[in-house]
Structure formats: C-alpha cells, structure tokens
Amino acid sequence: MSDAPPRWNRLERDARRAQILAAARTLFSKRRYSAVSTQDIADEAGVARGLLSRAQVQTLLEGVMPLIARELLPAVLAARDRRRSSV
C-alpha cells in the first residue's frame, strides 16, 4: 500500500461547486466560452473530467457571469459618476 496522499479530496457538494465555479471564472476571464473545454475546467479545478458535462459548462458560465458583473459594477458606477461630474 502506498503512503502517497489521495489524488482527489472528497468535498461537500457546495464546496465542490464553488471550486469548479472559481476555475470556470478564471478560464472564462481569459478565453471566450467556445475556447474553454470541460477538460480545461476540470484541470483548473483539480477534479476528474467525468464530473463535468458540456451542459454543465453552460450552467457554469451562467453562474460565473453574475459574479463577474457584481465585481465590475462598482468600477462601472464610479466611471459613470466621474463622467457625470465632469460634464
């Protein structure tokens, strides 16, 4: 028997989803949707490819977009306010 640590960590469903969402977010911020494969997301998240289907990738994209929008909103509003104050 090997003393090597297991290749995969067993996570609760929500923790695993958060891990995969974070990986998808990283990849979608660098490349367009059609250029990201399920294998890319699995590799980035450190999970088995079998955990993801192409349909799940679409769902991931839909889950990532609100996160990105929430992060960008303060910067967009600040730029709008600067523009309004300079007019």
N, C-alpha and C. Protein backbone atom coordinates (compact mmCIF):
# COMPACT_ATOMS: atom_id res chain seq x y z
N MET A 1 0.83 -1.18 0.00
CA MET A 1 0.00 0.00 0.00
C MET A 1 0.89 1.25 0.00
N SER A 2 0.47 2.25 -0.72
CA SER A 2 1.26 3.47 -0.86
C SER A 2 0.94 4.47 0.25
N ASP A 3 1.94 5.22 0.65
CA ASP A 3 1.74 6.29 1.63
C ASP A 3 1.45 7.63 0.96
N ALA A 4 1.34 7.61 -0.36
CA ALA A 4 1.08 8.84 -1.10
C ALA A 4 -0.32 9.36 -0.76
N PRO A 5 -0.46 10.69 -0.71
CA PRO A 5 -1.79 11.25 -0.43
C PRO A 5 -2.74 10.93 -1.57
N PRO A 6 -4.04 10.88 -1.30
CA PRO A 6 -5.00 10.60 -2.38
C PRO A 6 -4.95 11.69 -3.44
N ARG A 7 -5.23 11.30 -4.68
CA ARG A 7 -5.21 12.26 -5.78
C ARG A 7 -6.35 13.27 -5.67
N TRP A 8 -7.49 12.85 -5.12
CA TRP A 8 -8.66 13.71 -5.05
C TRP A 8 -9.10 13.87 -3.61
N ASN A 9 -9.58 15.05 -3.29
CA ASN A 9 -10.16 15.30 -1.97
C ASN A 9 -11.67 15.24 -2.07
N ARG A 10 -12.29 14.54 -1.16
CA ARG A 10 -13.75 14.45 -1.12
C ARG A 10 -14.29 15.73 -0.50
N LEU A 11 -15.06 16.49 -1.26
CA LEU A 11 -15.64 17.74 -0.77
C LEU A 11 -17.16 17.63 -0.76
N GLU A 12 -17.77 18.44 0.09
CA GLU A 12 -19.22 18.55 0.07
C GLU A 12 -19.64 19.15 -1.27
N ARG A 13 -20.87 18.90 -1.66
CA ARG A 13 -21.35 19.34 -2.97
C ARG A 13 -21.17 20.85 -3.19
N ASP A 14 -21.55 21.66 -2.21
CA ASP A 14 -21.43 23.12 -2.37
C ASP A 14 -19.97 23.57 -2.48
N ALA A 15 -19.10 22.93 -1.72
CA ALA A 15 -17.67 23.27 -1.78
C ALA A 15 -17.09 22.89 -3.14
N ARG A 16 -17.48 21.73 -3.65
CA ARG A 16 -17.00 21.30 -4.97
C ARG A 16 -17.52 22.23 -6.05
N ARG A 17 -18.79 22.63 -5.95
CA ARG A 17 -19.36 23.55 -6.94
C ARG A 17 -18.62 24.88 -6.91
N ALA A 18 -18.33 25.38 -5.72
CA ALA A 18 -17.59 26.64 -5.60
C ALA A 18 -16.20 26.51 -6.21
N GLN A 19 -15.56 25.37 -6.00
CA GLN A 19 -14.23 25.13 -6.57
C GLN A 19 -14.29 25.13 -8.10
N ILE A 20 -15.29 24.47 -8.65
CA ILE A 20 -15.44 24.40 -10.11
C ILE A 20 -15.83 25.76 -10.67
N LEU A 21 -16.71 26.49 -9.97
CA LEU A 21 -17.08 27.84 -10.41
C LEU A 21 -15.88 28.77 -10.45
N ALA A 22 -15.03 28.68 -9.44
CA ALA A 22 -13.83 29.51 -9.41
C ALA A 22 -12.91 29.20 -10.58
N ALA A 23 -12.77 27.92 -10.88
CA ALA A 23 -11.94 27.53 -12.02
C ALA A 23 -12.54 28.03 -13.33
N ALA A 24 -13.85 27.88 -13.47
CA ALA A 24 -14.51 28.35 -14.69
C ALA A 24 -14.37 29.85 -14.83
N ARG A 25 -14.53 30.56 -13.74
CA ARG A 25 -14.40 32.01 -13.77
C ARG A 25 -13.01 32.43 -14.23
N THR A 26 -12.01 31.77 -13.72
CA THR A 26 -10.63 32.07 -14.13
C THR A 26 -10.47 31.87 -15.64
N LEU A 27 -10.96 30.75 -16.13
CA LEU A 27 -10.79 30.44 -17.56
C LEU A 27 -11.64 31.35 -18.44
N PHE A 28 -12.92 31.61 -18.06
CA PHE A 28 -13.77 32.46 -18.87
C PHE A 28 -13.28 33.90 -18.88
N SER A 29 -12.53 34.30 -17.88
CA SER A 29 -11.99 35.66 -17.89
C SER A 29 -10.80 35.79 -18.83
N LYS A 30 -10.21 34.66 -19.19
CA LYS A 30 -9.06 34.66 -20.08
C LYS A 30 -9.40 34.32 -21.53
N ARG A 31 -10.44 33.48 -21.70
CA ARG A 31 -10.80 33.00 -23.04
C ARG A 31 -12.31 33.01 -23.21
N ARG A 32 -12.73 33.06 -24.46
CA ARG A 32 -14.17 33.02 -24.74
C ARG A 32 -14.73 31.63 -24.45
N TYR A 33 -16.04 31.58 -24.28
CA TYR A 33 -16.73 30.35 -23.90
C TYR A 33 -16.36 29.18 -24.81
N SER A 34 -16.38 29.39 -26.11
CA SER A 34 -16.13 28.30 -27.05
C SER A 34 -14.69 27.80 -27.02
N ALA A 35 -13.80 28.55 -26.38
CA ALA A 35 -12.40 28.14 -26.31
C ALA A 35 -12.06 27.44 -24.99
N VAL A 36 -13.08 27.22 -24.15
CA VAL A 36 -12.87 26.54 -22.87
C VAL A 36 -13.53 25.17 -22.92
N SER A 37 -12.75 24.14 -22.71
CA SER A 37 -13.29 22.78 -22.74
C SER A 37 -13.59 22.30 -21.32
N THR A 38 -14.37 21.24 -21.26
CA THR A 38 -14.64 20.65 -19.95
C THR A 38 -13.34 20.15 -19.33
N GLN A 39 -12.42 19.66 -20.15
CA GLN A 39 -11.13 19.21 -19.62
C GLN A 39 -10.34 20.38 -19.04
N ASP A 40 -10.41 21.54 -19.70
CA ASP A 40 -9.73 22.74 -19.18
C ASP A 40 -10.25 23.09 -17.78
N ILE A 41 -11.56 23.07 -17.63
CA ILE A 41 -12.16 23.42 -16.34
C ILE A 41 -11.79 22.38 -15.29
N ALA A 42 -11.89 21.11 -15.67
CA ALA A 42 -11.54 20.04 -14.73
C ALA A 42 -10.08 20.17 -14.28
N ASP A 43 -9.18 20.43 -15.23
CA ASP A 43 -7.77 20.58 -14.89
C ASP A 43 -7.56 21.77 -13.95
N GLU A 44 -8.19 22.89 -14.27
CA GLU A 44 -8.04 24.10 -13.45
C GLU A 44 -8.59 23.88 -12.04
N ALA A 45 -9.70 23.14 -11.95
CA ALA A 45 -10.32 22.89 -10.65
C ALA A 45 -9.67 21.74 -9.89
N GLY A 46 -8.88 20.94 -10.60
CA GLY A 46 -8.26 19.79 -9.96
C GLY A 46 -9.25 18.67 -9.68
N VAL A 47 -10.21 18.52 -10.60
CA VAL A 47 -11.22 17.46 -10.46
C VAL A 47 -11.16 16.54 -11.67
N ALA A 48 -11.83 15.42 -11.55
CA ALA A 48 -11.91 14.48 -12.67
C ALA A 48 -12.81 15.04 -13.76
N ARG A 49 -12.43 14.84 -14.99
CA ARG A 49 -13.21 15.32 -16.14
C ARG A 49 -14.63 14.78 -16.10
N GLY A 50 -14.83 13.60 -15.56
CA GLY A 50 -16.15 12.99 -15.51
C GLY A 50 -17.16 13.76 -14.67
N LEU A 51 -16.69 14.70 -13.84
CA LEU A 51 -17.62 15.50 -13.04
C LEU A 51 -18.34 16.55 -13.87
N LEU A 52 -17.85 16.82 -15.06
CA LEU A 52 -18.40 17.90 -15.88
C LEU A 52 -18.94 17.38 -17.20
N SER A 53 -20.06 17.93 -17.62
CA SER A 53 -20.55 17.69 -18.98
C SER A 53 -20.57 19.04 -19.68
N ARG A 54 -20.71 19.05 -20.98
CA ARG A 54 -20.74 20.31 -21.72
C ARG A 54 -21.93 21.17 -21.27
N ALA A 55 -23.04 20.53 -20.97
CA ALA A 55 -24.21 21.27 -20.47
C ALA A 55 -23.89 21.95 -19.15
N GLN A 56 -23.11 21.28 -18.32
CA GLN A 56 -22.72 21.89 -17.05
C GLN A 56 -21.81 23.09 -17.27
N VAL A 57 -21.02 23.07 -18.32
CA VAL A 57 -20.15 24.21 -18.62
C VAL A 57 -21.00 25.43 -18.94
N GLN A 58 -22.09 25.25 -19.70
CA GLN A 58 -23.01 26.36 -19.99
C GLN A 58 -23.60 26.88 -18.68
N THR A 59 -23.97 25.98 -17.80
CA THR A 59 -24.50 26.37 -16.49
C THR A 59 -23.45 27.11 -15.68
N LEU A 60 -22.20 26.66 -15.77
CA LEU A 60 -21.11 27.35 -15.08
C LEU A 60 -20.96 28.77 -15.60
N LEU A 61 -21.01 28.92 -16.92
CA LEU A 61 -20.90 30.25 -17.50
C LEU A 61 -22.02 31.14 -16.97
N GLU A 62 -23.23 30.61 -16.91
CA GLU A 62 -24.36 31.37 -16.39
C GLU A 62 -24.16 31.69 -14.91
N GLY A 63 -23.50 30.82 -14.17
CA GLY A 63 -23.23 31.06 -12.77
C GLY A 63 -22.11 32.06 -12.54
N VAL A 64 -21.15 32.09 -13.46
CA VAL A 64 -19.99 32.97 -13.32
C VAL A 64 -20.33 34.40 -13.71
N MET A 65 -21.19 34.58 -14.67
CA MET A 65 -21.48 35.93 -15.16
C MET A 65 -21.99 36.87 -14.07
N PRO A 66 -22.93 36.45 -13.21
CA PRO A 66 -23.35 37.37 -12.14
C PRO A 66 -22.20 37.72 -11.17
N LEU A 67 -21.31 36.78 -10.92
CA LEU A 67 -20.17 37.06 -10.05
C LEU A 67 -19.28 38.13 -10.66
N ILE A 68 -19.01 38.00 -11.94
CA ILE A 68 -18.17 38.97 -12.63
C ILE A 68 -18.87 40.33 -12.68
N ALA A 69 -20.16 40.31 -12.95
CA ALA A 69 -20.93 41.57 -13.02
C ALA A 69 -20.91 42.29 -11.67
N ARG A 70 -21.06 41.53 -10.58
CA ARG A 70 -21.03 42.14 -9.24
C ARG A 70 -19.68 42.79 -8.97
N GLU A 71 -18.62 42.17 -9.43
CA GLU A 71 -17.29 42.75 -9.22
C GLU A 71 -17.07 43.98 -10.08
N LEU A 72 -17.60 43.97 -11.28
CA LEU A 72 -17.39 45.09 -12.20
C LEU A 72 -18.30 46.28 -11.90
N LEU A 73 -19.45 46.03 -11.30
CA LEU A 73 -20.43 47.10 -11.09
C LEU A 73 -19.86 48.31 -10.38
N PRO A 74 -19.13 48.17 -9.27
CA PRO A 74 -18.58 49.38 -8.61
C PRO A 74 -17.68 50.20 -9.54
N ALA A 75 -16.87 49.55 -10.34
CA ALA A 75 -15.98 50.27 -11.26
C ALA A 75 -16.79 50.98 -12.35
N VAL A 76 -17.82 50.33 -12.85
CA VAL A 76 -18.67 50.94 -13.88
C VAL A 76 -19.41 52.14 -13.31
N LEU A 77 -19.95 52.01 -12.11
CA LEU A 77 -20.66 53.13 -11.48
C LEU A 77 -19.72 54.29 -11.17
N ALA A 78 -18.52 53.97 -10.73
CA ALA A 78 -17.54 55.03 -10.45
C ALA A 78 -17.17 55.78 -11.72
N ALA A 79 -16.99 55.05 -12.81
CA ALA A 79 -16.66 55.69 -14.09
C ALA A 79 -17.82 56.56 -14.55
N ARG A 80 -19.04 56.06 -14.36
CA ARG A 80 -20.22 56.85 -14.74
C ARG A 80 -20.28 58.13 -13.91
N ASP A 81 -20.04 58.01 -12.62
CA ASP A 81 -20.10 59.19 -11.74
C ASP A 81 -19.01 60.20 -12.10
N ARG A 82 -17.82 59.73 -12.44
CA ARG A 82 -16.75 60.64 -12.85
C ARG A 82 -17.14 61.37 -14.12
N ARG A 83 -17.75 60.65 -15.02
CA ARG A 83 -18.15 61.25 -16.29
C ARG A 83 -19.23 62.31 -16.04
N ARG A 84 -20.20 61.98 -15.19
CA ARG A 84 -21.27 62.94 -14.88
C ARG A 84 -20.74 64.20 -14.21
N SER A 85 -19.77 64.02 -13.32
CA SER A 85 -19.24 65.18 -12.59
C SER A 85 -18.37 66.06 -13.47
N SER A 86 -17.85 65.52 -14.56
CA SER A 86 -17.01 66.32 -15.44
C SER A 86 -17.81 67.05 -16.51
N VAL A 87 -19.09 66.78 -16.60
CA VAL A 87 -19.94 67.42 -17.63
C VAL A 87 -20.55 68.66 -17.11
